[in-house]
Amino acid sequence: MTKRTIDYYTTLGLLKAERSSSNYRYYDSSAIEQLRFIEECKANGMTLEGIKKKIIATAEEIDVLELRLKIKGLEKEVSEVLAQLDKNDLENQDFVKKHISNESLSLIQTLLLLINIKNGG
């Protein structure tokens, strides 16, 4: 595969590259698999536009899966925190302060804000 082809695929958005301070493109190791995937799709008669749509759809599926996993982790953490808050003593309040992540805290704050808005507050 020529440099020109790789540059063209990058320009179309089929490949992602980082830029150096001198404006050279750097590709990570996943680019090789991506190039194989593009060539396989082309061999099966897909257009570059069709390949791009497939790549975007795959990336969106991965993002949704990662988001679902993150939400499950946050739900577990929030459940643990709520269980500790129910006990309502100083030791448990310290536990909560030490074990809640910034993401969970943001989630709790957002949920409280939404509850207040929904209840007219």
C-alpha atoms as a PDB file:
ATOM      1  CA  MET A   1       0.000   0.000   0.000  1.00  0.00           C
ATOM      2  CA  THR A   2       1.374   3.389  -0.905  1.00  0.00           C
ATOM      3  CA  LYS A   3       1.853   6.402   1.360  1.00  0.00           C
ATOM      4  CA  ARG A   4      -0.534   8.288  -0.890  1.00  0.00           C
ATOM      5  CA  THR A   5      -3.289   5.700  -0.321  1.00  0.00           C
ATOM      6  CA  ILE A   6      -2.793   5.843   3.443  1.00  0.00           C
ATOM      7  CA  ASP A   7      -2.910   9.665   3.343  1.00  0.00           C
ATOM      8  CA  TYR A   8      -6.098   9.475   1.276  1.00  0.00           C
ATOM      9  CA  TYR A   9      -7.740   7.076   3.738  1.00  0.00           C
ATOM     10  CA  THR A  10      -6.759   9.411   6.578  1.00  0.00           C
ATOM     11  CA  THR A  11      -8.205  12.410   4.752  1.00  0.00           C
ATOM     12  CA  LEU A  12     -11.467  10.499   4.228  1.00  0.00           C
ATOM     13  CA  GLY A  13     -11.610   9.646   7.931  1.00  0.00           C
ATOM     14  CA  LEU A  14     -11.028   5.916   7.494  1.00  0.00           C
ATOM     15  CA  LEU A  15      -7.822   6.101   9.567  1.00  0.00           C
ATOM     16  CA  LYS A  16      -6.846   8.238  12.524  1.00  0.00           C
ATOM     17  CA  ALA A  17      -3.403   9.755  12.892  1.00  0.00           C
ATOM     18  CA  GLU A  18      -1.637  11.923  15.428  1.00  0.00           C
ATOM     19  CA  ARG A  19       0.434  14.836  14.220  1.00  0.00           C
ATOM     20  CA  SER A  20       3.992  15.516  15.282  1.00  0.00           C
ATOM     21  CA  SER A  21       5.309  19.014  15.973  1.00  0.00           C
ATOM     22  CA  SER A  22       6.711  18.989  12.439  1.00  0.00           C
ATOM     23  CA  ASN A  23       3.271  17.931  11.088  1.00  0.00           C
ATOM     24  CA  TYR A  24       4.159  14.313  10.302  1.00  0.00           C
ATOM     25  CA  ARG A  25       1.378  11.775  10.706  1.00  0.00           C
ATOM     26  CA  TYR A  26       1.858   9.033  13.281  1.00  0.00           C
ATOM     27  CA  TYR A  27      -0.342   5.960  13.319  1.00  0.00           C
ATOM     28  CA  ASP A  28      -0.737   3.551  16.220  1.00  0.00           C
ATOM     29  CA  SER A  29      -0.530  -0.216  15.803  1.00  0.00           C
ATOM     30  CA  SER A  30      -4.307  -0.515  15.331  1.00  0.00           C
ATOM     31  CA  ALA A  31      -3.935   1.274  11.980  1.00  0.00           C
ATOM     32  CA  ILE A  32      -2.506  -1.909  10.453  1.00  0.00           C
ATOM     33  CA  GLU A  33      -5.643  -3.860  11.360  1.00  0.00           C
ATOM     34  CA  GLN A  34      -7.771  -0.963  10.123  1.00  0.00           C
ATOM     35  CA  LEU A  35      -5.940  -1.024   6.762  1.00  0.00           C
ATOM     36  CA  ARG A  36      -6.502  -4.788   6.497  1.00  0.00           C
ATOM     37  CA  PHE A  37     -10.188  -4.253   7.271  1.00  0.00           C
ATOM     38  CA  ILE A  38     -10.458  -1.547   4.584  1.00  0.00           C
ATOM     39  CA  GLU A  39      -8.758  -3.737   1.991  1.00  0.00           C
ATOM     40  CA  GLU A  40     -10.981  -6.707   2.884  1.00  0.00           C
ATOM     41  CA  CYS A  41     -14.104  -4.562   2.520  1.00  0.00           C
ATOM     42  CA  LYS A  42     -12.879  -3.215  -0.810  1.00  0.00           C
ATOM     43  CA  ALA A  43     -12.208  -6.782  -2.005  1.00  0.00           C
ATOM     44  CA  ASN A  44     -15.844  -7.583  -1.109  1.00  0.00           C
ATOM     45  CA  GLY A  45     -17.041  -4.730  -3.324  1.00  0.00           C
ATOM     46  CA  MET A  46     -17.745  -2.063  -0.701  1.00  0.00           C
ATOM     47  CA  THR A  47     -17.237   1.585  -1.558  1.00  0.00           C
ATOM     48  CA  LEU A  48     -15.005   3.760   0.592  1.00  0.00           C
ATOM     49  CA  GLU A  49     -18.108   5.649   1.761  1.00  0.00           C
ATOM     50  CA  GLY A  50     -19.740   2.360   2.763  1.00  0.00           C
ATOM     51  CA  ILE A  51     -16.572   1.329   4.591  1.00  0.00           C
ATOM     52  CA  LYS A  52     -16.524   4.649   6.439  1.00  0.00           C
ATOM     53  CA  LYS A  53     -20.143   4.168   7.554  1.00  0.00           C
ATOM     54  CA  LYS A  54     -19.308   0.670   8.783  1.00  0.00           C
ATOM     55  CA  ILE A  55     -16.272   1.953  10.709  1.00  0.00           C
ATOM     56  CA  ILE A  56     -18.353   4.717  12.325  1.00  0.00           C
ATOM     57  CA  ALA A  57     -21.132   2.274  13.260  1.00  0.00           C
ATOM     58  CA  THR A  58     -18.605  -0.110  14.809  1.00  0.00           C
ATOM     59  CA  ALA A  59     -16.982   2.731  16.779  1.00  0.00           C
ATOM     60  CA  GLU A  60     -20.402   3.852  18.057  1.00  0.00           C
ATOM     61  CA  GLU A  61     -21.213   0.287  19.180  1.00  0.00           C
ATOM     62  CA  ILE A  62     -17.923   0.133  21.090  1.00  0.00           C
ATOM     63  CA  ASP A  63     -18.608   3.534  22.692  1.00  0.00           C
ATOM     64  CA  VAL A  64     -22.079   2.414  23.801  1.00  0.00           C
ATOM     65  CA  LEU A  65     -20.673  -0.812  25.267  1.00  0.00           C
ATOM     66  CA  GLU A  66     -17.971   1.099  27.159  1.00  0.00           C
ATOM     67  CA  LEU A  67     -20.580   3.558  28.416  1.00  0.00           C
ATOM     68  CA  ARG A  68     -22.823   0.730  29.636  1.00  0.00           C
ATOM     69  CA  LEU A  69     -19.919  -0.863  31.505  1.00  0.00           C
ATOM     70  CA  LYS A  70     -19.023   2.489  33.066  1.00  0.00           C
ATOM     71  CA  ILE A  71     -22.640   3.078  34.122  1.00  0.00           C
ATOM     72  CA  LYS A  72     -22.782  -0.376  35.767  1.00  0.00           C
ATOM     73  CA  GLY A  73     -19.630   0.440  37.722  1.00  0.00           C
ATOM     74  CA  LEU A  74     -21.042   3.797  38.788  1.00  0.00           C
ATOM     75  CA  GLU A  75     -24.346   2.197  39.804  1.00  0.00           C
ATOM     76  CA  LYS A  76     -22.493  -0.281  42.010  1.00  0.00           C
ATOM     77  CA  GLU A  77     -20.435   2.483  43.602  1.00  0.00           C
ATOM     78  CA  VAL A  78     -23.471   4.671  44.202  1.00  0.00           C
ATOM     79  CA  SER A  79     -25.366   1.724  45.739  1.00  0.00           C
ATOM     80  CA  GLU A  80     -22.502   1.097  48.144  1.00  0.00           C
ATOM     81  CA  VAL A  81     -22.421   4.782  49.058  1.00  0.00           C
ATOM     82  CA  LEU A  82     -26.175   4.909  49.623  1.00  0.00           C
ATOM     83  CA  ALA A  83     -25.985   1.836  51.855  1.00  0.00           C
ATOM     84  CA  GLN A  84     -23.342   3.579  53.937  1.00  0.00           C
ATOM     85  CA  LEU A  85     -25.341   6.812  54.057  1.00  0.00           C
ATOM     86  CA  ASP A  86     -28.353   4.926  55.401  1.00  0.00           C
ATOM     87  CA  LYS A  87     -26.313   4.015  58.477  1.00  0.00           C
ATOM     88  CA  ASN A  88     -25.769   7.773  59.032  1.00  0.00           C
ATOM     89  CA  ASP A  89     -22.787   7.814  61.362  1.00  0.00           C
ATOM     90  CA  LEU A  90     -19.435   9.609  61.206  1.00  0.00           C
ATOM     91  CA  GLU A  91     -17.418   6.495  60.387  1.00  0.00           C
ATOM     92  CA  ASN A  92     -19.603   5.773  57.381  1.00  0.00           C
ATOM     93  CA  GLN A  93     -19.484   9.386  56.232  1.00  0.00           C
ATOM     94  CA  ASP A  94     -15.686   9.112  56.205  1.00  0.00           C
ATOM     95  CA  PHE A  95     -15.998   5.884  54.195  1.00  0.00           C
ATOM     96  CA  VAL A  96     -18.135   7.694  51.639  1.00  0.00           C
ATOM     97  CA  LYS A  97     -15.687  10.596  51.323  1.00  0.00           C
ATOM     98  CA  LYS A  98     -12.770   8.212  50.778  1.00  0.00           C
ATOM     99  CA  HIS A  99     -14.425   5.779  48.373  1.00  0.00           C
ATOM    100  CA  ILE A 100     -16.563   7.830  46.029  1.00  0.00           C
ATOM    101  CA  SER A 101     -15.001   8.724  42.699  1.00  0.00           C
ATOM    102  CA  ASN A 102     -15.358  12.124  41.078  1.00  0.00           C
ATOM    103  CA  GLU A 103     -17.494  10.508  38.372  1.00  0.00           C
ATOM    104  CA  SER A 104     -19.888   9.081  40.952  1.00  0.00           C
ATOM    105  CA  LEU A 105     -20.042  12.372  42.791  1.00  0.00           C
ATOM    106  CA  SER A 106     -20.894  14.139  39.537  1.00  0.00           C
ATOM    107  CA  LEU A 107     -23.537  11.507  38.799  1.00  0.00           C
ATOM    108  CA  ILE A 108     -25.098  11.924  42.244  1.00  0.00           C
ATOM    109  CA  GLN A 109     -25.096  15.718  41.929  1.00  0.00           C
ATOM    110  CA  THR A 110     -26.704  15.499  38.496  1.00  0.00           C
ATOM    111  CA  LEU A 111     -29.348  13.067  39.728  1.00  0.00           C
ATOM    112  CA  LEU A 112     -30.148  15.310  42.705  1.00  0.00           C
ATOM    113  CA  LEU A 113     -30.429  18.307  40.384  1.00  0.00           C
ATOM    114  CA  LEU A 114     -32.788  16.386  38.078  1.00  0.00           C
ATOM    115  CA  ILE A 115     -34.891  15.222  41.028  1.00  0.00           C
ATOM    116  CA  ASN A 116     -35.155  18.803  42.314  1.00  0.00           C
ATOM    117  CA  ILE A 117     -36.134  20.096  38.873  1.00  0.00           C
ATOM    118  CA  LYS A 118     -38.730  17.321  38.451  1.00  0.00           C
ATOM    119  CA  ASN A 119     -40.194  18.054  41.898  1.00  0.00           C
ATOM    120  CA  GLY A 120     -40.450  21.745  41.121  1.00  0.00           C
ATOM    121  CA  GLY A 121     -37.488  22.780  43.222  1.00  0.00           C
END
